[in-house]
Protein backbone atom coordinates (compact mmCIF):
# COMPACT_ATOMS: atom_id res chain seq x y z
CA MET A 1 21.64 -9.94 -0.18
CA GLY A 2 21.34 -7.80 -3.30
CA ILE A 3 18.27 -5.97 -4.39
CA ARG A 4 15.13 -7.94 -3.67
CA PRO A 5 11.53 -6.91 -3.09
CA TRP A 6 10.53 -6.11 0.46
CA VAL A 7 8.93 -9.09 2.23
CA ILE A 8 5.87 -8.19 4.30
CA VAL A 9 4.73 -10.60 7.00
CA GLU A 10 1.13 -9.81 7.87
CA PRO A 11 -0.34 -9.98 11.38
CA PRO A 12 -1.40 -13.43 12.52
CA ASP A 13 -4.99 -14.38 11.89
CA ARG A 14 -7.09 -15.83 14.70
CA ARG A 15 -5.39 -19.21 14.16
CA GLY A 16 -1.87 -17.75 14.23
CA LEU A 17 -1.25 -18.10 10.50
CA ARG A 18 0.66 -15.19 8.90
CA ARG A 19 0.22 -14.23 5.26
CA ILE A 20 3.42 -13.38 3.37
CA THR A 21 3.23 -10.71 0.66
CA ILE A 22 5.71 -9.28 -1.82
CA HIS A 23 4.72 -6.36 -4.05
CA ASP A 24 1.15 -6.58 -2.68
CA LYS A 25 0.91 -10.17 -3.94
CA THR A 26 0.36 -13.04 -1.52
CA VAL A 27 3.20 -15.51 -2.00
CA GLY A 28 2.38 -17.88 0.84
CA SER A 29 1.57 -18.18 4.51
CA ALA A 30 3.36 -19.61 7.51
CA TRP A 31 2.76 -20.86 11.03
CA SER A 32 6.44 -20.74 11.98
CA LEU A 33 9.79 -19.20 11.09
CA ARG A 34 10.76 -22.50 9.50
CA GLU A 35 7.76 -22.32 7.17
CA LEU A 36 8.48 -18.66 6.41
CA ARG A 37 12.07 -19.54 5.49
CA GLU A 38 10.80 -22.35 3.23
CA VAL A 39 8.48 -19.97 1.35
CA LEU A 40 11.31 -17.46 0.92
CA ARG A 41 13.79 -20.17 -0.14
CA ARG A 42 11.41 -21.28 -2.92
CA LEU A 43 11.33 -17.65 -4.10
CA GLY A 44 15.11 -17.46 -4.29
CA TYR A 45 15.91 -15.74 -1.01
CA PRO A 46 19.00 -16.99 0.84
CA ASP A 47 18.60 -19.55 3.63
CA ASP A 48 20.50 -17.32 6.04
CA MET A 49 18.43 -14.19 5.37
CA ASP A 50 18.16 -12.05 8.50
CA LEU A 51 14.41 -12.02 9.17
CA ASP A 52 14.87 -9.23 11.71
CA ASP A 53 16.55 -6.89 9.19
CA ARG A 54 14.00 -4.12 8.65
CA ALA A 55 15.56 -3.31 5.29
CA CYS A 56 14.41 -6.73 4.02
CA VAL A 57 11.40 -7.80 6.07
CA TYR A 58 8.54 -5.72 7.38
CA TRP A 59 6.58 -7.35 10.21
CA ARG A 60 3.04 -6.08 10.60
CA GLY A 61 1.51 -6.77 13.97
CA GLY A 62 4.66 -7.75 15.82
CA ASP A 63 7.99 -9.25 14.92
CA SER A 64 9.48 -12.69 14.48
CA SER A 65 9.77 -13.29 18.23
CA GLU A 66 6.20 -12.36 19.13
CA HIS A 67 4.16 -14.88 17.20
CA PHE A 68 6.53 -17.40 15.70
CA GLN A 69 8.46 -20.00 17.59
CA ARG A 70 12.14 -20.05 16.66
């Protein structure tokens, strides 16, 4: 994947929406993995990025399987 900033997916709010931050800056939010991938794609991340790779994505308050539908 090359060197890219760490993506942090924040815990879901009371509606289930997760904020996405990079370098402490909010870059978007998502209800689903599909929406998360769309935000990352717009930022130049590859479509096949492994969202469970802890070297690339840090999930606060769970992981991709807990609160997002695949």
